[in-house]
Each structure stands twice: as C-alpha cells, then as structure tokens.
Amino acid sequence: MGKLVRGISKNARLICVDSKDVIQKAQEIHNCSPTAIAGFGRLLSIGLMMGIDLKNDDDSISLKITSEGPVKQMLVTANKKGEIKGYMQNPYADKELREDGKLDVGGIVGKGNLQVIKDMGMGKPYVGISNLVSGEIAEDFADYFARSEQIPSVVGAGVLVGKEIEIKQAGGFIIQLMPNATEEFIVKMENKIKEIKSVTELLSEGKTPKQILEYLMDGIEKVEILQETEVKYSCNCNKDKFYRGLISLGKEEITKVFTEQEEIETACNFCHEKYKFKKDEFEEFLK
C-alpha cells in the first residue's frame, strides 16, 4: 500500500502521496505502454489527493480526461478512504521520448478537457470542466483549480517507469493557498517552486510524504500534519451490480442473447474481473 499525508501551515494546505504500489497495481491490470502508465499514474495520484478532501466516506470523486490525442480517454474514481480505481480507453498509446529524455505524456494526451465530478449523495453531482493547457496532467489540474475553483495551487505528479515497465517511483503533491495567504508567503513560495526537485526525485532519495511536505515548506513556515492514510487500488465491482446492469437491457434483449449463446460474460473496465451468467439466473426476471 502507498501512503498519503495531509498537512496545513499558516498560509497553505498541503497534500502529498507516495502512490508507487497503487500505480504498479494499475499497470498489472491495464498493461499500459510506458508513456500511458506515466500519464495514467499522474491522474491516479491526483485523484487520491483530491479524494481525501471529500467530507463523507460514501462520497466519491471522478476525474475524467477526454483527449484528442491517442490516449483518447482516462477516468479515475476515488473516495475519502484512500481507495481508487481507473480506466484507460487506449492503454497502448505511446510516443518516442522527448528531447530531454522524458516520457512524452503531453504528446499522447494533446488537446482536450478535464472534468471533475463530485458525487456527494445529493442526487445531482457537481461537475467542473476546464480545457487542458498542456496534457501533462499536473499543469492541467493547477489551471483547473485556479479557473474553476478559484484556488491558486501548485500541483506536482510524476511516475518513474523502469525498462520492464515496472513502477520505480510514483507520487504527487498539491499546495493550495489559504484565502488569507500573505503576499510575503506567496513570494517565498514562488521562489521555492523554481528550485524544488520532482516528486519522483524526492521519493528516490528515500523521502516519505511527510518529509516531502516539510521539504516543500523548508525555510518558509512550519507544517502541521493533520492526517496520514494508506492508499490502494481497489475496485468495488461485484456480480450483483453486473446482473442489475444486464436486466436494465430488458427482457426482449436478454432473451435474444440467450437464443444465440449459452451464457453472458461481462468484464469490469476498472479491474478486468469477469462475471458469467447463465439463462436460469434470469428465470424470475424473464417471467
């Protein structure tokens, strides 16, 4: 399992996550290309950090990127308990390395938009939408926070992928200004941002999420740690949910399917778990 830490200072609120194990699990499920898992992993890391801010355990948040690039679509859904799952429309999307030797996530994402969907059990979910500014994911969410939620934010997210497409390091951080943040703090933070290392560099040095938050605020102001949470890739699918999805097709459609085949096989997009159904399981419904 990974680890997420949430903290606060006089002028900012901060979150950091070590999501290596989560992204490794996602890679094992979705079998992504190196560039695709780098982008998908960034979205998963940000989803974990945004999920922890939900008010209730039953609330959920979904982050959806619709892309004009070969990645096409990415979706992750997280909750307050540190659980997340995700789906990629084209996990094989890939490009050659950039000139600086880094994976070209922006190249496979390209133009498009991101949606933030918060379901707080009130019937109609909140939906925020913004255009992608770079396709590099972290920059796109910093822009989303500024435009859609009016919260000046610094967002970092990274995935270090090995030669065998194993996940060496993965994580992210979010720094958001308090409404009463001082001009002095803002200037110090802006100068600090210019010199900070990437989150994967910091994790590679052995720093924990707590130590990364302290590093980000070193020389500026003290951080108070509010919460430490374990995070994991977790899908809540089950056979009953798929059964209810199938009966929504109607009696005529289900009867037609069983005239052509002996069983129906379904698969979850998030975890690839398969569920098989035979005609006698729908006997009561078909009556």
C-alpha atoms as a PDB file:
ATOM      1  CA  MET A   1       0.000   0.000   0.000  1.00  0.00           C
ATOM      2  CA  GLY A   2       1.008   3.600  -0.548  1.00  0.00           C
ATOM      3  CA  LYS A   3       0.857   6.459   1.910  1.00  0.00           C
ATOM      4  CA  LEU A   4      -0.868   9.849   1.761  1.00  0.00           C
ATOM      5  CA  VAL A   5      -0.229  12.722   4.160  1.00  0.00           C
ATOM      6  CA  ARG A   6      -2.308  15.872   4.589  1.00  0.00           C
ATOM      7  CA  GLY A   7      -0.951  18.945   6.358  1.00  0.00           C
ATOM      8  CA  ILE A   8      -1.531  22.613   6.979  1.00  0.00           C
ATOM      9  CA  SER A   9       0.568  25.709   7.583  1.00  0.00           C
ATOM     10  CA  LYS A  10      -0.389  29.281   8.421  1.00  0.00           C
ATOM     11  CA  ASN A  11      -0.802  30.211   4.754  1.00  0.00           C
ATOM     12  CA  ALA A  12      -1.364  26.944   2.876  1.00  0.00           C
ATOM     13  CA  ARG A  13      -2.865  23.494   2.913  1.00  0.00           C
ATOM     14  CA  LEU A  14      -0.744  20.640   1.578  1.00  0.00           C
ATOM     15  CA  ILE A  15      -1.154  17.012   0.468  1.00  0.00           C
ATOM     16  CA  CYS A  16       1.476  14.515  -0.648  1.00  0.00           C
ATOM     17  CA  VAL A  17       1.126  10.895  -1.745  1.00  0.00           C
ATOM     18  CA  ASP A  18       3.516   8.025  -2.385  1.00  0.00           C
ATOM     19  CA  SER A  19       1.455   6.066  -4.907  1.00  0.00           C
ATOM     20  CA  LYS A  20       4.049   3.619  -6.247  1.00  0.00           C
ATOM     21  CA  ASP A  21       2.127   0.489  -5.176  1.00  0.00           C
ATOM     22  CA  VAL A  22      -1.150   1.896  -6.490  1.00  0.00           C
ATOM     23  CA  ILE A  23       0.314   2.655  -9.915  1.00  0.00           C
ATOM     24  CA  GLN A  24       2.060  -0.731 -10.047  1.00  0.00           C
ATOM     25  CA  LYS A  25      -1.298  -2.425  -9.436  1.00  0.00           C
ATOM     26  CA  ALA A  26      -2.884  -0.306 -12.180  1.00  0.00           C
ATOM     27  CA  GLN A  27      -0.096  -1.310 -14.559  1.00  0.00           C
ATOM     28  CA  GLU A  28      -0.587  -5.004 -13.780  1.00  0.00           C
ATOM     29  CA  ILE A  29      -4.307  -4.690 -14.533  1.00  0.00           C
ATOM     30  CA  HIS A  30      -4.212  -2.467 -17.628  1.00  0.00           C
ATOM     31  CA  ASN A  31      -0.860  -3.470 -19.185  1.00  0.00           C
ATOM     32  CA  CYS A  32      -0.104   0.079 -20.354  1.00  0.00           C
ATOM     33  CA  SER A  33       2.704   1.385 -22.517  1.00  0.00           C
ATOM     34  CA  PRO A  34       5.430   3.296 -20.612  1.00  0.00           C
ATOM     35  CA  THR A  35       4.049   6.689 -21.659  1.00  0.00           C
ATOM     36  CA  ALA A  36       0.438   5.715 -20.975  1.00  0.00           C
ATOM     37  CA  ILE A  37       1.131   4.496 -17.422  1.00  0.00           C
ATOM     38  CA  ALA A  38       3.124   7.690 -16.779  1.00  0.00           C
ATOM     39  CA  GLY A  39       0.065   9.790 -17.660  1.00  0.00           C
ATOM     40  CA  PHE A  40      -2.469   7.449 -16.069  1.00  0.00           C
ATOM     41  CA  GLY A  41      -0.347   7.264 -12.923  1.00  0.00           C
ATOM     42  CA  ARG A  42      -0.281  11.054 -12.606  1.00  0.00           C
ATOM     43  CA  LEU A  43      -4.069  11.135 -12.844  1.00  0.00           C
ATOM     44  CA  LEU A  44      -4.396   8.367 -10.237  1.00  0.00           C
ATOM     45  CA  SER A  45      -2.074  10.228  -7.846  1.00  0.00           C
ATOM     46  CA  ILE A  46      -4.046  13.460  -8.189  1.00  0.00           C
ATOM     47  CA  GLY A  47      -7.288  11.517  -7.756  1.00  0.00           C
ATOM     48  CA  LEU A  48      -6.063  10.084  -4.450  1.00  0.00           C
ATOM     49  CA  MET A  49      -5.139  13.541  -3.175  1.00  0.00           C
ATOM     50  CA  MET A  50      -8.448  15.093  -4.212  1.00  0.00           C
ATOM     51  CA  GLY A  51     -10.420  12.159  -2.834  1.00  0.00           C
ATOM     52  CA  ILE A  52      -9.030  12.592   0.663  1.00  0.00           C
ATOM     53  CA  ASP A  53     -10.725  16.021   0.841  1.00  0.00           C
ATOM     54  CA  LEU A  54     -14.237  14.596   0.482  1.00  0.00           C
ATOM     55  CA  LYS A  55     -16.490  15.099   3.513  1.00  0.00           C
ATOM     56  CA  ASN A  56     -18.116  11.669   3.893  1.00  0.00           C
ATOM     57  CA  ASP A  57     -16.964   8.070   3.430  1.00  0.00           C
ATOM     58  CA  ASP A  58     -19.735   7.424   0.894  1.00  0.00           C
ATOM     59  CA  ASP A  59     -18.797  10.422  -1.278  1.00  0.00           C
ATOM     60  CA  SER A  60     -16.760   9.893  -4.434  1.00  0.00           C
ATOM     61  CA  ILE A  61     -14.831  11.989  -6.913  1.00  0.00           C
ATOM     62  CA  SER A  62     -14.141  11.121 -10.541  1.00  0.00           C
ATOM     63  CA  LEU A  63     -11.504  12.777 -12.720  1.00  0.00           C
ATOM     64  CA  LYS A  64     -12.066  12.345 -16.440  1.00  0.00           C
ATOM     65  CA  ILE A  65      -9.749  13.439 -19.236  1.00  0.00           C
ATOM     66  CA  THR A  66     -11.132  13.430 -22.774  1.00  0.00           C
ATOM     67  CA  SER A  67      -8.276  13.766 -25.213  1.00  0.00           C
ATOM     68  CA  GLU A  68      -7.776  14.461 -28.896  1.00  0.00           C
ATOM     69  CA  GLY A  69      -4.513  12.526 -28.653  1.00  0.00           C
ATOM     70  CA  PRO A  70      -4.070   8.744 -28.951  1.00  0.00           C
ATOM     71  CA  VAL A  71      -4.813   8.195 -25.238  1.00  0.00           C
ATOM     72  CA  LYS A  72      -8.457   9.207 -26.012  1.00  0.00           C
ATOM     73  CA  GLN A  73      -9.886   8.966 -22.501  1.00  0.00           C
ATOM     74  CA  MET A  74      -8.766   8.360 -18.910  1.00  0.00           C
ATOM     75  CA  LEU A  75     -11.040   8.087 -15.893  1.00  0.00           C
ATOM     76  CA  VAL A  76     -10.276   7.561 -12.198  1.00  0.00           C
ATOM     77  CA  THR A  77     -12.681   7.371  -9.257  1.00  0.00           C
ATOM     78  CA  ALA A  78     -11.563   7.856  -5.647  1.00  0.00           C
ATOM     79  CA  ASN A  79     -13.078   8.115  -2.180  1.00  0.00           C
ATOM     80  CA  LYS A  80     -12.182   9.571   1.206  1.00  0.00           C
ATOM     81  CA  LYS A  81     -10.782   6.239   2.457  1.00  0.00           C
ATOM     82  CA  GLY A  82      -7.756   6.323   0.146  1.00  0.00           C
ATOM     83  CA  GLU A  83      -9.217   3.894  -2.395  1.00  0.00           C
ATOM     84  CA  ILE A  84      -9.072   4.470  -6.140  1.00  0.00           C
ATOM     85  CA  LYS A  85      -9.739   2.693  -9.413  1.00  0.00           C
ATOM     86  CA  GLY A  86      -9.252   3.757 -13.008  1.00  0.00           C
ATOM     87  CA  TYR A  87      -9.796   3.035 -16.680  1.00  0.00           C
ATOM     88  CA  MET A  88      -7.955   3.929 -19.895  1.00  0.00           C
ATOM     89  CA  GLN A  89      -9.557   3.771 -23.322  1.00  0.00           C
ATOM     90  CA  ASN A  90      -6.206   3.221 -25.060  1.00  0.00           C
ATOM     91  CA  PRO A  91      -3.577   1.901 -22.622  1.00  0.00           C
ATOM     92  CA  TYR A  92      -1.206   1.207 -25.532  1.00  0.00           C
ATOM     93  CA  ALA A  93      -0.863   4.867 -26.581  1.00  0.00           C
ATOM     94  CA  ASP A  94       2.841   5.690 -26.834  1.00  0.00           C
ATOM     95  CA  LYS A  95       5.345   8.118 -28.321  1.00  0.00           C
ATOM     96  CA  GLU A  96       9.087   8.381 -28.553  1.00  0.00           C
ATOM     97  CA  LEU A  97      10.928  10.089 -25.710  1.00  0.00           C
ATOM     98  CA  ARG A  98      11.097  13.871 -25.693  1.00  0.00           C
ATOM     99  CA  GLU A  99      14.377  15.630 -26.484  1.00  0.00           C
ATOM    100  CA  ASP A 100      15.094  15.883 -22.742  1.00  0.00           C
ATOM    101  CA  GLY A 101      14.797  12.092 -22.428  1.00  0.00           C
ATOM    102  CA  LYS A 102      11.472  12.129 -20.581  1.00  0.00           C
ATOM    103  CA  LEU A 103       8.260  10.313 -21.483  1.00  0.00           C
ATOM    104  CA  ASP A 104       6.035  12.442 -23.722  1.00  0.00           C
ATOM    105  CA  VAL A 105       2.800  12.389 -21.724  1.00  0.00           C
ATOM    106  CA  GLY A 106       1.675  15.679 -23.241  1.00  0.00           C
ATOM    107  CA  GLY A 107       2.203  14.147 -26.670  1.00  0.00           C
ATOM    108  CA  ILE A 108      -0.203  11.243 -26.140  1.00  0.00           C
ATOM    109  CA  VAL A 109      -2.801  13.405 -24.382  1.00  0.00           C
ATOM    110  CA  GLY A 110      -2.714  16.541 -26.523  1.00  0.00           C
ATOM    111  CA  LYS A 111      -5.679  18.905 -26.546  1.00  0.00           C
ATOM    112  CA  GLY A 112      -8.921  18.123 -24.760  1.00  0.00           C
ATOM    113  CA  ASN A 113     -10.686  18.775 -21.487  1.00  0.00           C
ATOM    114  CA  LEU A 114     -10.845  17.502 -17.943  1.00  0.00           C
ATOM    115  CA  GLN A 115     -13.912  17.019 -15.809  1.00  0.00           C
ATOM    116  CA  VAL A 116     -14.086  16.825 -12.026  1.00  0.00           C
ATOM    117  CA  ILE A 117     -17.259  15.042 -10.903  1.00  0.00           C
ATOM    118  CA  LYS A 118     -18.056  15.068  -7.173  1.00  0.00           C
ATOM    119  CA  ASP A 119     -20.870  12.762  -6.041  1.00  0.00           C
ATOM    120  CA  MET A 120     -21.931  13.675  -2.511  1.00  0.00           C
ATOM    121  CA  GLY A 121     -25.087  11.571  -2.458  1.00  0.00           C
ATOM    122  CA  MET A 122     -27.358  14.550  -3.103  1.00  0.00           C
ATOM    123  CA  GLY A 123     -28.834  13.248  -6.354  1.00  0.00           C
ATOM    124  CA  LYS A 124     -27.122  15.595  -8.785  1.00  0.00           C
ATOM    125  CA  PRO A 125     -23.297  15.533  -8.731  1.00  0.00           C
ATOM    126  CA  TYR A 126     -21.151  18.657  -9.008  1.00  0.00           C
ATOM    127  CA  VAL A 127     -19.304  18.824 -12.339  1.00  0.00           C
ATOM    128  CA  GLY A 128     -16.407  21.178 -13.058  1.00  0.00           C
ATOM    129  CA  ILE A 129     -14.880  21.385 -16.546  1.00  0.00           C
ATOM    130  CA  SER A 130     -11.768  23.054 -17.940  1.00  0.00           C
ATOM    131  CA  ASN A 131      -9.638  22.772 -21.055  1.00  0.00           C
ATOM    132  CA  LEU A 132      -6.275  21.043 -20.920  1.00  0.00           C
ATOM    133  CA  VAL A 133      -3.389  23.508 -21.060  1.00  0.00           C
ATOM    134  CA  SER A 134      -0.540  21.081 -21.770  1.00  0.00           C
ATOM    135  CA  GLY A 135      -1.686  17.470 -21.426  1.00  0.00           C
ATOM    136  CA  GLU A 136       0.990  16.960 -18.788  1.00  0.00           C
ATOM    137  CA  ILE A 137      -1.766  16.392 -16.176  1.00  0.00           C
ATOM    138  CA  ALA A 138      -0.289  18.247 -13.162  1.00  0.00           C
ATOM    139  CA  GLU A 139      -0.231  21.600 -15.002  1.00  0.00           C
ATOM    140  CA  ASP A 140      -3.766  20.961 -16.230  1.00  0.00           C
ATOM    141  CA  PHE A 141      -5.049  20.490 -12.688  1.00  0.00           C
ATOM    142  CA  ALA A 142      -3.227  23.570 -11.400  1.00  0.00           C
ATOM    143  CA  ASP A 143      -5.071  25.506 -14.101  1.00  0.00           C
ATOM    144  CA  TYR A 144      -8.367  23.792 -13.181  1.00  0.00           C
ATOM    145  CA  PHE A 145      -8.035  24.763  -9.505  1.00  0.00           C
ATOM    146  CA  ALA A 146      -7.285  28.373 -10.445  1.00  0.00           C
ATOM    147  CA  ARG A 147     -10.071  28.758 -13.022  1.00  0.00           C
ATOM    148  CA  SER A 148     -12.874  26.517 -11.775  1.00  0.00           C
ATOM    149  CA  GLU A 149     -12.397  26.619  -8.003  1.00  0.00           C
ATOM    150  CA  GLN A 150     -10.556  29.950  -7.696  1.00  0.00           C
ATOM    151  CA  ILE A 151      -7.843  28.360  -5.549  1.00  0.00           C
ATOM    152  CA  PRO A 152      -4.234  29.238  -6.515  1.00  0.00           C
ATOM    153  CA  SER A 153      -2.432  25.869  -6.424  1.00  0.00           C
ATOM    154  CA  VAL A 154       0.862  24.184  -7.140  1.00  0.00           C
ATOM    155  CA  VAL A 155       0.421  20.615  -8.401  1.00  0.00           C
ATOM    156  CA  GLY A 156       3.199  18.090  -8.920  1.00  0.00           C
ATOM    157  CA  ALA A 157       2.813  14.497 -10.092  1.00  0.00           C
ATOM    158  CA  GLY A 158       5.236  12.000 -11.554  1.00  0.00           C
ATOM    159  CA  VAL A 159       5.815   8.356 -12.411  1.00  0.00           C
ATOM    160  CA  LEU A 160       9.266   6.839 -12.853  1.00  0.00           C
ATOM    161  CA  VAL A 161       8.977   3.842 -15.181  1.00  0.00           C
ATOM    162  CA  GLY A 162      11.643   1.120 -15.429  1.00  0.00           C
ATOM    163  CA  LYS A 163      12.858  -0.722 -18.530  1.00  0.00           C
ATOM    164  CA  GLU A 164      10.440  -3.603 -17.918  1.00  0.00           C
ATOM    165  CA  ILE A 165       7.590  -1.079 -17.442  1.00  0.00           C
ATOM    166  CA  GLU A 166       7.777  -1.628 -13.695  1.00  0.00           C
ATOM    167  CA  ILE A 167       6.985   1.355 -11.485  1.00  0.00           C
ATOM    168  CA  LYS A 168      10.121   2.537  -9.707  1.00  0.00           C
ATOM    169  CA  GLN A 169       8.567   5.593  -8.047  1.00  0.00           C
ATOM    170  CA  ALA A 170       5.268   7.440  -8.269  1.00  0.00           C
ATOM    171  CA  GLY A 171       3.598  10.188  -6.314  1.00  0.00           C
ATOM    172  CA  GLY A 172       2.356  13.728  -6.210  1.00  0.00           C
ATOM    173  CA  PHE A 173       1.764  16.821  -4.112  1.00  0.00           C
ATOM    174  CA  ILE A 174      -0.692  19.703  -4.014  1.00  0.00           C
ATOM    175  CA  ILE A 175      -0.086  23.060  -2.307  1.00  0.00           C
ATOM    176  CA  GLN A 176      -3.088  25.381  -2.109  1.00  0.00           C
ATOM    177  CA  LEU A 177      -3.085  28.927  -0.772  1.00  0.00           C
ATOM    178  CA  MET A 178      -5.360  29.837   2.114  1.00  0.00           C
ATOM    179  CA  PRO A 179      -7.772  32.730   1.373  1.00  0.00           C
ATOM    180  CA  ASN A 180      -5.778  34.931   3.762  1.00  0.00           C
ATOM    181  CA  ALA A 181      -2.307  33.993   2.471  1.00  0.00           C
ATOM    182  CA  THR A 182       0.126  36.889   2.816  1.00  0.00           C
ATOM    183  CA  GLU A 183       1.982  38.489  -0.061  1.00  0.00           C
ATOM    184  CA  GLU A 184       5.269  37.645   1.662  1.00  0.00           C
ATOM    185  CA  PHE A 185       4.373  33.955   1.773  1.00  0.00           C
ATOM    186  CA  ILE A 186       3.310  33.966  -1.888  1.00  0.00           C
ATOM    187  CA  VAL A 187       6.646  35.479  -2.967  1.00  0.00           C
ATOM    188  CA  LYS A 188       8.601  32.941  -0.899  1.00  0.00           C
ATOM    189  CA  MET A 189       6.526  30.091  -2.318  1.00  0.00           C
ATOM    190  CA  GLU A 190       7.036  31.292  -5.894  1.00  0.00           C
ATOM    191  CA  ASN A 191      10.805  31.374  -5.350  1.00  0.00           C
ATOM    192  CA  LYS A 192      10.734  27.939  -3.727  1.00  0.00           C
ATOM    193  CA  ILE A 193       8.839  26.395  -6.643  1.00  0.00           C
ATOM    194  CA  LYS A 194      11.627  27.383  -9.035  1.00  0.00           C
ATOM    195  CA  GLU A 195      14.147  25.221  -7.181  1.00  0.00           C
ATOM    196  CA  ILE A 196      12.184  22.202  -5.920  1.00  0.00           C
ATOM    197  CA  LYS A 197      13.019  18.744  -7.238  1.00  0.00           C
ATOM    198  CA  SER A 198      10.441  16.498  -8.886  1.00  0.00           C
ATOM    199  CA  VAL A 199       8.367  14.274  -6.631  1.00  0.00           C
ATOM    200  CA  THR A 200       9.950  11.122  -8.121  1.00  0.00           C
ATOM    201  CA  GLU A 201      13.428  12.508  -7.352  1.00  0.00           C
ATOM    202  CA  LEU A 202      12.414  13.148  -3.751  1.00  0.00           C
ATOM    203  CA  LEU A 203      10.908   9.685  -3.389  1.00  0.00           C
ATOM    204  CA  SER A 204      14.027   8.142  -4.962  1.00  0.00           C
ATOM    205  CA  GLU A 205      16.077   9.875  -2.259  1.00  0.00           C
ATOM    206  CA  GLY A 206      14.033   7.957   0.302  1.00  0.00           C
ATOM    207  CA  LYS A 207      11.871  10.834   1.469  1.00  0.00           C
ATOM    208  CA  THR A 208       8.443   9.992   2.894  1.00  0.00           C
ATOM    209  CA  PRO A 209       5.345  12.060   2.025  1.00  0.00           C
ATOM    210  CA  LYS A 210       5.653  13.779   5.417  1.00  0.00           C
ATOM    211  CA  GLN A 211       9.299  14.663   4.728  1.00  0.00           C
ATOM    212  CA  ILE A 212       8.378  15.936   1.262  1.00  0.00           C
ATOM    213  CA  LEU A 213       5.836  18.335   2.759  1.00  0.00           C
ATOM    214  CA  GLU A 214       8.494  19.549   5.188  1.00  0.00           C
ATOM    215  CA  TYR A 215      10.941  19.940   2.275  1.00  0.00           C
ATOM    216  CA  LEU A 216       8.410  21.966   0.264  1.00  0.00           C
ATOM    217  CA  MET A 217       7.928  24.388   3.154  1.00  0.00           C
ATOM    218  CA  ASP A 218      11.528  24.414   4.400  1.00  0.00           C
ATOM    219  CA  GLY A 219      12.646  27.981   5.064  1.00  0.00           C
ATOM    220  CA  ILE A 220       9.101  29.294   4.639  1.00  0.00           C
ATOM    221  CA  GLU A 221       6.929  28.130   7.536  1.00  0.00           C
ATOM    222  CA  LYS A 222       6.176  25.101   9.703  1.00  0.00           C
ATOM    223  CA  VAL A 223       3.825  22.341   8.560  1.00  0.00           C
ATOM    224  CA  GLU A 224       1.390  20.658  10.931  1.00  0.00           C
ATOM    225  CA  ILE A 225       0.483  17.108   9.880  1.00  0.00           C
ATOM    226  CA  LEU A 226      -3.265  16.525  10.122  1.00  0.00           C
ATOM    227  CA  GLN A 227      -3.695  13.048   8.664  1.00  0.00           C
ATOM    228  CA  GLU A 228      -1.816  10.001   7.391  1.00  0.00           C
ATOM    229  CA  THR A 229      -3.745   7.491   5.295  1.00  0.00           C
ATOM    230  CA  GLU A 230      -2.852   4.280   3.485  1.00  0.00           C
ATOM    231  CA  VAL A 231      -3.916   4.290  -0.170  1.00  0.00           C
ATOM    232  CA  LYS A 232      -4.648   1.402  -2.510  1.00  0.00           C
ATOM    233  CA  TYR A 233      -6.047   0.458  -5.900  1.00  0.00           C
ATOM    234  CA  SER A 234      -9.446  -1.021  -5.096  1.00  0.00           C
ATOM    235  CA  CYS A 235     -12.463  -1.874  -7.248  1.00  0.00           C
ATOM    236  CA  ASN A 236     -15.902  -2.351  -5.684  1.00  0.00           C
ATOM    237  CA  CYS A 237     -17.465  -4.267  -8.568  1.00  0.00           C
ATOM    238  CA  ASN A 238     -19.447  -7.454  -7.917  1.00  0.00           C
ATOM    239  CA  LYS A 239     -21.681  -9.879  -9.788  1.00  0.00           C
ATOM    240  CA  ASP A 240     -24.895  -8.327  -8.469  1.00  0.00           C
ATOM    241  CA  LYS A 241     -24.011  -4.918  -9.979  1.00  0.00           C
ATOM    242  CA  PHE A 242     -23.453  -6.512 -13.375  1.00  0.00           C
ATOM    243  CA  TYR A 243     -26.690  -8.502 -13.024  1.00  0.00           C
ATOM    244  CA  ARG A 244     -28.625  -5.279 -12.394  1.00  0.00           C
ATOM    245  CA  GLY A 245     -26.888  -3.727 -15.385  1.00  0.00           C
ATOM    246  CA  LEU A 246     -27.934  -6.622 -17.613  1.00  0.00           C
ATOM    247  CA  ILE A 247     -31.598  -6.602 -16.594  1.00  0.00           C
ATOM    248  CA  SER A 248     -31.705  -2.915 -17.482  1.00  0.00           C
ATOM    249  CA  LEU A 249     -31.379  -4.111 -21.107  1.00  0.00           C
ATOM    250  CA  GLY A 250     -34.912  -5.532 -20.854  1.00  0.00           C
ATOM    251  CA  LYS A 251     -36.482  -8.976 -21.253  1.00  0.00           C
ATOM    252  CA  GLU A 252     -36.525  -8.940 -25.039  1.00  0.00           C
ATOM    253  CA  GLU A 253     -32.813  -8.198 -25.392  1.00  0.00           C
ATOM    254  CA  ILE A 254     -31.747 -10.764 -22.771  1.00  0.00           C
ATOM    255  CA  THR A 255     -33.967 -13.453 -24.332  1.00  0.00           C
ATOM    256  CA  LYS A 256     -32.445 -12.699 -27.728  1.00  0.00           C
ATOM    257  CA  VAL A 257     -28.893 -13.017 -26.363  1.00  0.00           C
ATOM    258  CA  PHE A 258     -29.615 -16.440 -24.851  1.00  0.00           C
ATOM    259  CA  THR A 259     -31.044 -17.734 -28.143  1.00  0.00           C
ATOM    260  CA  GLU A 260     -27.606 -17.088 -29.655  1.00  0.00           C
ATOM    261  CA  GLN A 261     -25.324 -18.197 -26.790  1.00  0.00           C
ATOM    262  CA  GLU A 262     -25.445 -20.309 -23.635  1.00  0.00           C
ATOM    263  CA  GLU A 263     -24.036 -17.691 -21.267  1.00  0.00           C
ATOM    264  CA  ILE A 264     -23.257 -14.000 -20.998  1.00  0.00           C
ATOM    265  CA  GLU A 265     -19.759 -12.959 -19.946  1.00  0.00           C
ATOM    266  CA  THR A 266     -19.137  -9.463 -18.621  1.00  0.00           C
ATOM    267  CA  ALA A 267     -15.871  -7.799 -17.588  1.00  0.00           C
ATOM    268  CA  CYS A 268     -15.143  -4.813 -15.360  1.00  0.00           C
ATOM    269  CA  ASN A 269     -13.276  -1.968 -17.093  1.00  0.00           C
ATOM    270  CA  PHE A 270     -11.570  -0.982 -13.827  1.00  0.00           C
ATOM    271  CA  CYS A 271     -10.171  -4.326 -12.610  1.00  0.00           C
ATOM    272  CA  HIS A 272     -10.852  -6.754 -15.521  1.00  0.00           C
ATOM    273  CA  GLU A 273     -12.731  -9.145 -13.220  1.00  0.00           C
ATOM    274  CA  LYS A 274     -15.066 -11.349 -15.291  1.00  0.00           C
ATOM    275  CA  TYR A 275     -18.590 -12.424 -14.361  1.00  0.00           C
ATOM    276  CA  LYS A 276     -20.523 -15.149 -16.199  1.00  0.00           C
ATOM    277  CA  PHE A 277     -24.309 -15.541 -16.261  1.00  0.00           C
ATOM    278  CA  LYS A 278     -26.470 -18.466 -17.408  1.00  0.00           C
ATOM    279  CA  LYS A 279     -30.103 -18.219 -18.514  1.00  0.00           C
ATOM    280  CA  ASP A 280     -31.503 -19.829 -15.357  1.00  0.00           C
ATOM    281  CA  GLU A 281     -30.126 -16.909 -13.304  1.00  0.00           C
ATOM    282  CA  PHE A 282     -32.658 -14.674 -15.108  1.00  0.00           C
ATOM    283  CA  GLU A 283     -35.583 -17.115 -14.781  1.00  0.00           C
ATOM    284  CA  GLU A 284     -37.600 -14.992 -12.332  1.00  0.00           C
ATOM    285  CA  PHE A 285     -36.891 -11.800 -14.231  1.00  0.00           C
ATOM    286  CA  LEU A 286     -37.894 -13.282 -17.604  1.00  0.00           C
ATOM    287  CA  LYS A 287     -41.232 -14.488 -16.165  1.00  0.00           C
END
